[in-house]
Amino acid sequence: MTSPVISVIVASYNQERYISRCLRSLISQTIARDKFEIVVINDGSTDRSASVLSEFADETVLINNEKNIGLPASLNKAIRRARAPFVVRVDADDYVNAEFLHLLHDFLRENKYMDAIACDYLLVDEQEEVLGRKNCLADPIACGIMFRTEQLIDIGLYDETFLLHEETDLRLRFTKKYKIHRLELPLYRYRRHENNATNDAAAMEHHRQRIIEKHGSESQE
């Protein structure tokens, strides 16, 4: 069996409403299907996620956590399972443009000096109406960044104690040694809805303060 060149990581907890849209957008990529694997980790979901994911059994590598272990621990588990030299995270409630993997991979493959590449993104609502376009470096999010897997492993993957702002901590540690470049195309669709984890203001602030305590700042500068 041919080894994939890209591992797409999708961690999901109680996302039965959106996970199908996410996976369909990945399966429909223009890059050859044998060039990438989709590693889905179902983090102890208590809704109908398992039933939805069973419909994609032939298209995904599925990891089931018997109990909820949290997002960063789930992501690390999936990355360690990944078989490809490039890895990119897509959240279960988001989706992507058909050229997402092809363009990000081409930029990293052809530009050896690039450590990681992030694409711009569109903010969309629950009905997939576009709310705006965002610069991925000015308004960074956790997803839509293709990394070289060995570099993520080199920095120690995600800090599993950050149940929120896990991506900020990862980015701060990554950019101390490597650089994230920008692809000025909005290939990622970031969905805003009432169940976004980032809606928990108190928890977000708690982990933001932990970021400052750990790094002295929440900025890459």
C-alpha atoms as a PDB file:
ATOM      1  CA  MET A   1       0.000   0.000   0.000  1.00  0.00           C
ATOM      2  CA  THR A   2       1.284   3.452  -0.945  1.00  0.00           C
ATOM      3  CA  SER A   3       2.201   5.635   1.999  1.00  0.00           C
ATOM      4  CA  PRO A   4       0.367   8.988   2.115  1.00  0.00           C
ATOM      5  CA  VAL A   5       2.268  12.255   1.930  1.00  0.00           C
ATOM      6  CA  ILE A   6      -0.301  14.175   4.006  1.00  0.00           C
ATOM      7  CA  SER A   7      -2.070  13.218   7.221  1.00  0.00           C
ATOM      8  CA  VAL A   8      -5.204  15.241   7.941  1.00  0.00           C
ATOM      9  CA  ILE A   9      -6.049  15.233  11.645  1.00  0.00           C
ATOM     10  CA  VAL A  10      -9.684  15.668  12.718  1.00  0.00           C
ATOM     11  CA  ALA A  11     -10.444  15.543  16.449  1.00  0.00           C
ATOM     12  CA  SER A  12     -14.139  15.407  17.260  1.00  0.00           C
ATOM     13  CA  TYR A  13     -16.218  15.601  20.428  1.00  0.00           C
ATOM     14  CA  ASN A  14     -20.015  15.681  20.062  1.00  0.00           C
ATOM     15  CA  GLN A  15     -19.942  17.139  16.556  1.00  0.00           C
ATOM     16  CA  GLU A  16     -22.574  14.908  14.943  1.00  0.00           C
ATOM     17  CA  ARG A  17     -24.161  17.985  13.353  1.00  0.00           C
ATOM     18  CA  TYR A  18     -21.049  19.105  11.474  1.00  0.00           C
ATOM     19  CA  ILE A  19     -18.574  16.218  11.133  1.00  0.00           C
ATOM     20  CA  SER A  20     -20.154  14.875   7.932  1.00  0.00           C
ATOM     21  CA  ARG A  21     -19.678  18.230   6.155  1.00  0.00           C
ATOM     22  CA  CYS A  22     -16.083  18.343   7.318  1.00  0.00           C
ATOM     23  CA  LEU A  23     -15.248  14.854   6.070  1.00  0.00           C
ATOM     24  CA  ARG A  24     -17.055  15.283   2.757  1.00  0.00           C
ATOM     25  CA  SER A  25     -14.974  18.387   2.048  1.00  0.00           C
ATOM     26  CA  LEU A  26     -11.799  16.394   2.705  1.00  0.00           C
ATOM     27  CA  ILE A  27     -12.803  13.379   0.649  1.00  0.00           C
ATOM     28  CA  SER A  28     -13.571  15.748  -2.254  1.00  0.00           C
ATOM     29  CA  GLN A  29     -10.050  17.193  -2.444  1.00  0.00           C
ATOM     30  CA  THR A  30      -8.511  17.578  -5.904  1.00  0.00           C
ATOM     31  CA  ILE A  31      -5.265  15.907  -4.829  1.00  0.00           C
ATOM     32  CA  ALA A  32      -5.119  12.173  -5.551  1.00  0.00           C
ATOM     33  CA  ARG A  33      -6.920  10.228  -2.824  1.00  0.00           C
ATOM     34  CA  ASP A  34      -3.971   7.901  -2.164  1.00  0.00           C
ATOM     35  CA  LYS A  35      -1.785  10.918  -1.390  1.00  0.00           C
ATOM     36  CA  PHE A  36      -3.499  11.665   1.916  1.00  0.00           C
ATOM     37  CA  GLU A  37      -5.054   9.929   4.893  1.00  0.00           C
ATOM     38  CA  ILE A  38      -7.784  11.292   7.156  1.00  0.00           C
ATOM     39  CA  VAL A  39      -7.153  10.404  10.789  1.00  0.00           C
ATOM     40  CA  VAL A  40     -10.308  10.993  12.846  1.00  0.00           C
ATOM     41  CA  ILE A  41     -10.247  10.745  16.610  1.00  0.00           C
ATOM     42  CA  ASN A  42     -13.628  10.455  18.316  1.00  0.00           C
ATOM     43  CA  ASP A  43     -12.909  11.764  21.799  1.00  0.00           C
ATOM     44  CA  GLY A  44     -15.531   9.883  23.815  1.00  0.00           C
ATOM     45  CA  SER A  45     -18.504  11.559  22.125  1.00  0.00           C
ATOM     46  CA  THR A  46     -21.874  10.986  23.790  1.00  0.00           C
ATOM     47  CA  ASP A  47     -24.039  12.036  20.836  1.00  0.00           C
ATOM     48  CA  ARG A  48     -24.566  10.201  17.530  1.00  0.00           C
ATOM     49  CA  SER A  49     -21.047  10.892  16.259  1.00  0.00           C
ATOM     50  CA  ALA A  50     -20.131   7.189  16.200  1.00  0.00           C
ATOM     51  CA  SER A  51     -23.032   6.445  13.880  1.00  0.00           C
ATOM     52  CA  VAL A  52     -22.129   9.310  11.545  1.00  0.00           C
ATOM     53  CA  LEU A  53     -18.459   8.310  11.504  1.00  0.00           C
ATOM     54  CA  SER A  54     -19.352   4.728  10.649  1.00  0.00           C
ATOM     55  CA  GLU A  55     -20.592   6.024   7.286  1.00  0.00           C
ATOM     56  CA  PHE A  56     -17.029   7.132   6.514  1.00  0.00           C
ATOM     57  CA  ALA A  57     -15.302   3.945   7.691  1.00  0.00           C
ATOM     58  CA  ASP A  58     -13.819   3.227   4.252  1.00  0.00           C
ATOM     59  CA  GLU A  59     -12.400   6.739   3.902  1.00  0.00           C
ATOM     60  CA  THR A  60     -10.887   7.354   7.329  1.00  0.00           C
ATOM     61  CA  VAL A  61      -8.561   5.975   9.941  1.00  0.00           C
ATOM     62  CA  LEU A  62     -10.732   6.081  13.052  1.00  0.00           C
ATOM     63  CA  ILE A  63      -9.436   6.227  16.615  1.00  0.00           C
ATOM     64  CA  ASN A  64     -12.062   5.895  19.341  1.00  0.00           C
ATOM     65  CA  ASN A  65     -11.323   7.152  22.842  1.00  0.00           C
ATOM     66  CA  GLU A  66     -13.405   5.217  25.362  1.00  0.00           C
ATOM     67  CA  LYS A  67     -13.609   8.357  27.473  1.00  0.00           C
ATOM     68  CA  ASN A  68     -13.065  12.030  26.778  1.00  0.00           C
ATOM     69  CA  ILE A  69      -9.371  12.905  27.201  1.00  0.00           C
ATOM     70  CA  GLY A  70      -9.472  16.470  25.856  1.00  0.00           C
ATOM     71  CA  LEU A  71      -8.555  18.107  22.569  1.00  0.00           C
ATOM     72  CA  PRO A  72      -4.745  18.425  22.860  1.00  0.00           C
ATOM     73  CA  ALA A  73      -4.297  14.845  24.093  1.00  0.00           C
ATOM     74  CA  SER A  74      -6.509  13.611  21.249  1.00  0.00           C
ATOM     75  CA  LEU A  75      -4.552  15.621  18.691  1.00  0.00           C
ATOM     76  CA  ASN A  76      -1.259  14.224  19.969  1.00  0.00           C
ATOM     77  CA  LYS A  77      -2.623  10.697  19.803  1.00  0.00           C
ATOM     78  CA  ALA A  78      -3.649  11.225  16.181  1.00  0.00           C
ATOM     79  CA  ILE A  79      -0.375  12.890  15.152  1.00  0.00           C
ATOM     80  CA  ARG A  80       1.624  10.012  16.633  1.00  0.00           C
ATOM     81  CA  ARG A  81      -0.523   7.665  14.573  1.00  0.00           C
ATOM     82  CA  ALA A  82      -0.042   9.708  11.379  1.00  0.00           C
ATOM     83  CA  ARG A  83       2.055   8.087   8.654  1.00  0.00           C
ATOM     84  CA  ALA A  84       2.819  11.101   6.460  1.00  0.00           C
ATOM     85  CA  PRO A  85       5.665  13.663   6.429  1.00  0.00           C
ATOM     86  CA  PHE A  86       3.149  16.530   6.331  1.00  0.00           C
ATOM     87  CA  VAL A  87       0.292  17.003   8.771  1.00  0.00           C
ATOM     88  CA  VAL A  88      -2.599  19.468   8.885  1.00  0.00           C
ATOM     89  CA  ARG A  89      -5.407  19.894  11.402  1.00  0.00           C
ATOM     90  CA  VAL A  90      -9.029  20.488  10.420  1.00  0.00           C
ATOM     91  CA  ASP A  91     -11.610  20.922  13.175  1.00  0.00           C
ATOM     92  CA  ALA A  92     -14.691  18.710  13.034  1.00  0.00           C
ATOM     93  CA  ASP A  93     -17.104  21.648  12.778  1.00  0.00           C
ATOM     94  CA  ASP A  94     -15.194  23.324   9.922  1.00  0.00           C
ATOM     95  CA  TYR A  95     -14.660  22.465   6.256  1.00  0.00           C
ATOM     96  CA  VAL A  96     -12.259  23.309   3.439  1.00  0.00           C
ATOM     97  CA  ASN A  97     -11.956  24.318  -0.204  1.00  0.00           C
ATOM     98  CA  ALA A  98     -11.357  21.492  -2.693  1.00  0.00           C
ATOM     99  CA  GLU A  99      -7.821  22.817  -3.408  1.00  0.00           C
ATOM    100  CA  PHE A 100      -6.865  23.045   0.288  1.00  0.00           C
ATOM    101  CA  LEU A 101      -4.479  20.071   0.490  1.00  0.00           C
ATOM    102  CA  HIS A 102      -3.105  20.409  -3.015  1.00  0.00           C
ATOM    103  CA  LEU A 103      -2.024  24.040  -2.671  1.00  0.00           C
ATOM    104  CA  LEU A 104      -0.658  23.837   0.875  1.00  0.00           C
ATOM    105  CA  HIS A 105       1.316  20.708   0.017  1.00  0.00           C
ATOM    106  CA  ASP A 106       2.681  22.178  -3.217  1.00  0.00           C
ATOM    107  CA  PHE A 107       3.974  25.255  -1.394  1.00  0.00           C
ATOM    108  CA  LEU A 108       5.782  23.207   1.249  1.00  0.00           C
ATOM    109  CA  ARG A 109       7.129  20.657  -1.213  1.00  0.00           C
ATOM    110  CA  GLU A 110       8.470  23.270  -3.643  1.00  0.00           C
ATOM    111  CA  ASN A 111       9.806  25.668  -0.997  1.00  0.00           C
ATOM    112  CA  LYS A 112      12.172  23.686   1.175  1.00  0.00           C
ATOM    113  CA  TYR A 113      12.941  26.763   3.291  1.00  0.00           C
ATOM    114  CA  MET A 114       9.337  26.902   4.487  1.00  0.00           C
ATOM    115  CA  ASP A 115       8.751  25.122   7.769  1.00  0.00           C
ATOM    116  CA  ALA A 116       4.952  25.438   7.823  1.00  0.00           C
ATOM    117  CA  ILE A 117       2.311  27.133   5.694  1.00  0.00           C
ATOM    118  CA  ALA A 118      -1.030  28.584   6.819  1.00  0.00           C
ATOM    119  CA  CYS A 119      -3.840  29.710   4.529  1.00  0.00           C
ATOM    120  CA  ASP A 120      -6.297  32.545   4.981  1.00  0.00           C
ATOM    121  CA  TYR A 121      -9.826  31.580   5.972  1.00  0.00           C
ATOM    122  CA  LEU A 122     -13.460  32.566   5.636  1.00  0.00           C
ATOM    123  CA  LEU A 123     -15.621  32.986   8.715  1.00  0.00           C
ATOM    124  CA  VAL A 124     -18.970  31.294   8.079  1.00  0.00           C
ATOM    125  CA  ASP A 125     -22.127  30.876  10.134  1.00  0.00           C
ATOM    126  CA  GLU A 126     -24.188  27.762  10.784  1.00  0.00           C
ATOM    127  CA  GLN A 127     -25.852  28.102   7.363  1.00  0.00           C
ATOM    128  CA  GLU A 128     -22.419  28.492   5.709  1.00  0.00           C
ATOM    129  CA  GLU A 129     -23.044  32.134   4.858  1.00  0.00           C
ATOM    130  CA  VAL A 130     -19.744  34.004   4.656  1.00  0.00           C
ATOM    131  CA  LEU A 131     -19.253  36.515   7.471  1.00  0.00           C
ATOM    132  CA  GLY A 132     -15.823  37.735   6.434  1.00  0.00           C
ATOM    133  CA  ARG A 133     -12.317  36.881   5.298  1.00  0.00           C
ATOM    134  CA  LYS A 134      -9.391  36.679   7.713  1.00  0.00           C
ATOM    135  CA  ASN A 135      -5.620  36.947   7.384  1.00  0.00           C
ATOM    136  CA  CYS A 136      -4.250  33.747   8.944  1.00  0.00           C
ATOM    137  CA  LEU A 137      -1.238  35.492  10.467  1.00  0.00           C
ATOM    138  CA  ALA A 138      -3.030  38.604  11.743  1.00  0.00           C
ATOM    139  CA  ASP A 139      -5.963  36.563  13.106  1.00  0.00           C
ATOM    140  CA  PRO A 140      -4.503  33.090  13.657  1.00  0.00           C
ATOM    141  CA  ILE A 141      -6.593  30.011  14.313  1.00  0.00           C
ATOM    142  CA  ALA A 142      -5.605  26.488  15.250  1.00  0.00           C
ATOM    143  CA  CYS A 143      -6.335  24.912  11.872  1.00  0.00           C
ATOM    144  CA  GLY A 144      -5.448  25.317   8.233  1.00  0.00           C
ATOM    145  CA  ILE A 145      -1.715  25.107   8.933  1.00  0.00           C
ATOM    146  CA  MET A 146       0.317  22.412   7.224  1.00  0.00           C
ATOM    147  CA  PHE A 147       3.363  21.381   9.263  1.00  0.00           C
ATOM    148  CA  ARG A 148       6.284  19.095   8.614  1.00  0.00           C
ATOM    149  CA  THR A 149       5.455  16.259  10.996  1.00  0.00           C
ATOM    150  CA  GLU A 150       9.015  15.846  12.230  1.00  0.00           C
ATOM    151  CA  GLN A 151       9.094  19.504  13.332  1.00  0.00           C
ATOM    152  CA  LEU A 152       5.898  19.147  15.360  1.00  0.00           C
ATOM    153  CA  ILE A 153       7.393  16.119  17.056  1.00  0.00           C
ATOM    154  CA  ASP A 154      10.625  18.048  17.598  1.00  0.00           C
ATOM    155  CA  ILE A 155       8.871  20.751  19.660  1.00  0.00           C
ATOM    156  CA  GLY A 156       6.958  18.184  21.706  1.00  0.00           C
ATOM    157  CA  LEU A 157       3.509  18.366  20.061  1.00  0.00           C
ATOM    158  CA  TYR A 158       0.621  19.946  22.005  1.00  0.00           C
ATOM    159  CA  ASP A 159       0.852  20.713  25.719  1.00  0.00           C
ATOM    160  CA  GLU A 160      -1.979  18.497  26.981  1.00  0.00           C
ATOM    161  CA  THR A 161      -2.655  20.753  29.988  1.00  0.00           C
ATOM    162  CA  PHE A 162      -4.005  23.522  27.731  1.00  0.00           C
ATOM    163  CA  LEU A 163      -7.632  22.517  27.178  1.00  0.00           C
ATOM    164  CA  LEU A 164      -8.115  25.875  25.439  1.00  0.00           C
ATOM    165  CA  HIS A 165      -5.514  28.074  23.716  1.00  0.00           C
ATOM    166  CA  GLU A 166      -3.638  24.850  22.935  1.00  0.00           C
ATOM    167  CA  GLU A 167      -2.866  26.263  19.491  1.00  0.00           C
ATOM    168  CA  THR A 168      -1.422  29.494  20.942  1.00  0.00           C
ATOM    169  CA  ASP A 169       1.002  27.549  23.110  1.00  0.00           C
ATOM    170  CA  LEU A 170       1.979  25.313  20.176  1.00  0.00           C
ATOM    171  CA  ARG A 171       2.496  28.284  17.879  1.00  0.00           C
ATOM    172  CA  LEU A 172       4.643  30.146  20.418  1.00  0.00           C
ATOM    173  CA  ARG A 173       6.877  27.124  20.918  1.00  0.00           C
ATOM    174  CA  PHE A 174       7.005  26.361  17.182  1.00  0.00           C
ATOM    175  CA  THR A 175       7.971  29.891  16.136  1.00  0.00           C
ATOM    176  CA  LYS A 176      10.882  30.003  18.571  1.00  0.00           C
ATOM    177  CA  LYS A 177      12.647  27.584  16.235  1.00  0.00           C
ATOM    178  CA  TYR A 178      10.679  27.581  12.980  1.00  0.00           C
ATOM    179  CA  LYS A 179       8.539  29.924  10.884  1.00  0.00           C
ATOM    180  CA  ILE A 180       4.940  29.769   9.697  1.00  0.00           C
ATOM    181  CA  HIS A 181       4.455  31.285   6.231  1.00  0.00           C
ATOM    182  CA  ARG A 182       1.237  32.619   4.722  1.00  0.00           C
ATOM    183  CA  LEU A 183      -0.654  31.479   1.636  1.00  0.00           C
ATOM    184  CA  GLU A 184      -2.940  34.391   0.737  1.00  0.00           C
ATOM    185  CA  LEU A 185      -5.873  32.265  -0.369  1.00  0.00           C
ATOM    186  CA  PRO A 186      -8.972  31.661   1.814  1.00  0.00           C
ATOM    187  CA  LEU A 187      -8.976  27.863   1.560  1.00  0.00           C
ATOM    188  CA  TYR A 188     -10.305  27.148   5.069  1.00  0.00           C
ATOM    189  CA  ARG A 189     -13.865  27.657   6.349  1.00  0.00           C
ATOM    190  CA  TYR A 190     -14.037  28.478  10.060  1.00  0.00           C
ATOM    191  CA  ARG A 191     -17.573  27.996  11.339  1.00  0.00           C
ATOM    192  CA  ARG A 192     -18.945  30.221  14.085  1.00  0.00           C
ATOM    193  CA  HIS A 193     -21.794  28.675  16.088  1.00  0.00           C
ATOM    194  CA  GLU A 194     -23.245  28.683  19.579  1.00  0.00           C
ATOM    195  CA  ASN A 195     -21.278  25.615  20.696  1.00  0.00           C
ATOM    196  CA  ASN A 196     -17.795  26.845  19.799  1.00  0.00           C
ATOM    197  CA  ALA A 197     -15.427  26.059  22.661  1.00  0.00           C
ATOM    198  CA  THR A 198     -14.085  29.610  22.372  1.00  0.00           C
ATOM    199  CA  ASN A 199     -17.468  30.918  23.563  1.00  0.00           C
ATOM    200  CA  ASP A 200     -16.555  29.998  27.158  1.00  0.00           C
ATOM    201  CA  ALA A 201     -15.077  33.353  28.127  1.00  0.00           C
ATOM    202  CA  ALA A 202     -14.011  32.371  31.652  1.00  0.00           C
ATOM    203  CA  ALA A 203     -12.181  29.239  30.504  1.00  0.00           C
ATOM    204  CA  MET A 204     -10.569  31.127  27.620  1.00  0.00           C
ATOM    205  CA  GLU A 205      -9.283  33.798  30.006  1.00  0.00           C
ATOM    206  CA  HIS A 206      -7.968  31.188  32.442  1.00  0.00           C
ATOM    207  CA  HIS A 207      -5.875  29.513  29.753  1.00  0.00           C
ATOM    208  CA  ARG A 208      -4.828  32.893  28.293  1.00  0.00           C
ATOM    209  CA  GLN A 209      -3.348  33.792  31.665  1.00  0.00           C
ATOM    210  CA  ARG A 210      -1.555  30.423  31.702  1.00  0.00           C
ATOM    211  CA  ILE A 211      -0.083  31.258  28.284  1.00  0.00           C
ATOM    212  CA  ILE A 212       1.273  34.550  29.637  1.00  0.00           C
ATOM    213  CA  GLU A 213       2.681  32.815  32.729  1.00  0.00           C
ATOM    214  CA  LYS A 214       4.401  30.187  30.594  1.00  0.00           C
ATOM    215  CA  HIS A 215       5.696  32.387  27.772  1.00  0.00           C
ATOM    216  CA  GLY A 216       5.707  35.899  29.243  1.00  0.00           C
ATOM    217  CA  SER A 217       3.401  36.994  26.422  1.00  0.00           C
ATOM    218  CA  GLU A 218       0.698  35.685  24.106  1.00  0.00           C
ATOM    219  CA  SER A 219       2.347  37.243  21.072  1.00  0.00           C
ATOM    220  CA  GLN A 220       4.918  35.720  18.748  1.00  0.00           C
ATOM    221  CA  GLU A 221       6.862  38.981  18.697  1.00  0.00           C
END
